[in-house]
Amino acid sequence: MAGEGAILQQAREEKGWSYKDVESVIKIRIRYLEALENEEYDVLPGATYTKGFLRSYAKYLGLDP
């Protein structure tokens, strides 16, 4: 089974959206979006932010957060 990062990336790519497209709507920096998709959680500012970013990103992509 794919990790959550791969699921996020696949959903974004299926919609044809770039990181910049997503960033402009949900106001999460591109480097954090990339970190979520690559599952590089040490790049993110903290556990609380990570959970919020994951939830927001998933909802925007139409996934179950």
Protein backbone atom coordinates (compact mmCIF):
# COMPACT_ATOMS: atom_id res chain seq x y z
CA MET A 1 0.00 0.00 0.00
CA ALA A 2 1.25 3.46 -0.85
CA GLY A 3 2.15 5.91 1.90
CA GLU A 4 0.18 9.08 2.45
CA GLY A 5 2.76 11.13 0.54
CA ALA A 6 2.34 9.03 -2.60
CA ILE A 7 -1.45 9.28 -2.29
CA LEU A 8 -1.26 13.07 -2.05
CA GLN A 9 1.10 13.30 -5.01
CA GLN A 10 -1.02 11.00 -7.17
CA ALA A 11 -4.20 12.95 -6.40
CA ARG A 12 -2.51 16.27 -7.20
CA GLU A 13 -1.03 14.99 -10.46
CA GLU A 14 -4.34 13.43 -11.55
CA LYS A 15 -5.92 16.87 -11.25
CA GLY A 16 -3.06 18.40 -13.24
CA TRP A 17 -2.20 20.85 -10.47
CA SER A 18 1.28 22.18 -9.80
CA TYR A 19 2.59 22.97 -6.34
CA LYS A 20 2.15 26.64 -7.16
CA ASP A 21 -1.54 26.06 -7.97
CA VAL A 22 -2.09 24.39 -4.61
CA GLU A 23 -0.01 26.92 -2.67
CA SER A 24 -2.01 29.84 -4.04
CA VAL A 25 -5.27 28.37 -2.74
CA ILE A 26 -4.46 26.68 0.58
CA LYS A 27 -1.56 28.98 1.55
CA ILE A 28 0.90 26.22 2.45
CA ARG A 29 4.40 26.85 1.16
CA ILE A 30 5.66 24.73 -1.72
CA ARG A 31 8.56 23.35 0.32
CA TYR A 32 6.07 22.03 2.88
CA LEU A 33 3.85 20.50 0.19
CA GLU A 34 6.90 18.76 -1.25
CA ALA A 35 7.90 17.57 2.23
CA LEU A 36 4.43 16.09 2.78
CA GLU A 37 4.52 14.24 -0.54
CA ASN A 38 8.06 12.99 0.11
CA GLU A 39 7.19 12.13 3.72
CA GLU A 40 10.07 14.27 4.98
CA TYR A 41 8.40 15.32 8.19
CA ASP A 42 11.58 16.72 9.73
CA VAL A 43 11.32 19.64 7.25
CA LEU A 44 7.92 20.66 8.65
CA PRO A 45 7.66 23.10 11.56
CA GLY A 46 6.12 20.71 14.12
CA ALA A 47 3.61 17.93 14.74
CA THR A 48 0.64 20.25 15.12
CA TYR A 49 1.41 22.02 11.85
CA THR A 50 2.07 18.71 10.11
CA LYS A 51 -1.36 17.37 11.06
CA GLY A 52 -3.04 20.59 9.97
CA PHE A 53 -1.14 20.71 6.69
CA LEU A 54 -1.99 17.08 5.94
CA ARG A 55 -5.65 17.66 6.74
CA SER A 56 -5.89 20.83 4.63
CA TYR A 57 -4.00 19.34 1.70
CA ALA A 58 -6.04 16.13 1.70
CA LYS A 59 -9.35 18.03 1.88
CA TYR A 60 -8.32 20.30 -0.97
CA LEU A 61 -7.44 17.29 -3.11
CA GLY A 62 -10.80 15.71 -2.36
CA LEU A 63 -9.34 12.96 -0.16
CA ASP A 64 -10.57 11.79 3.22
CA PRO A 65 -8.37 13.62 5.73
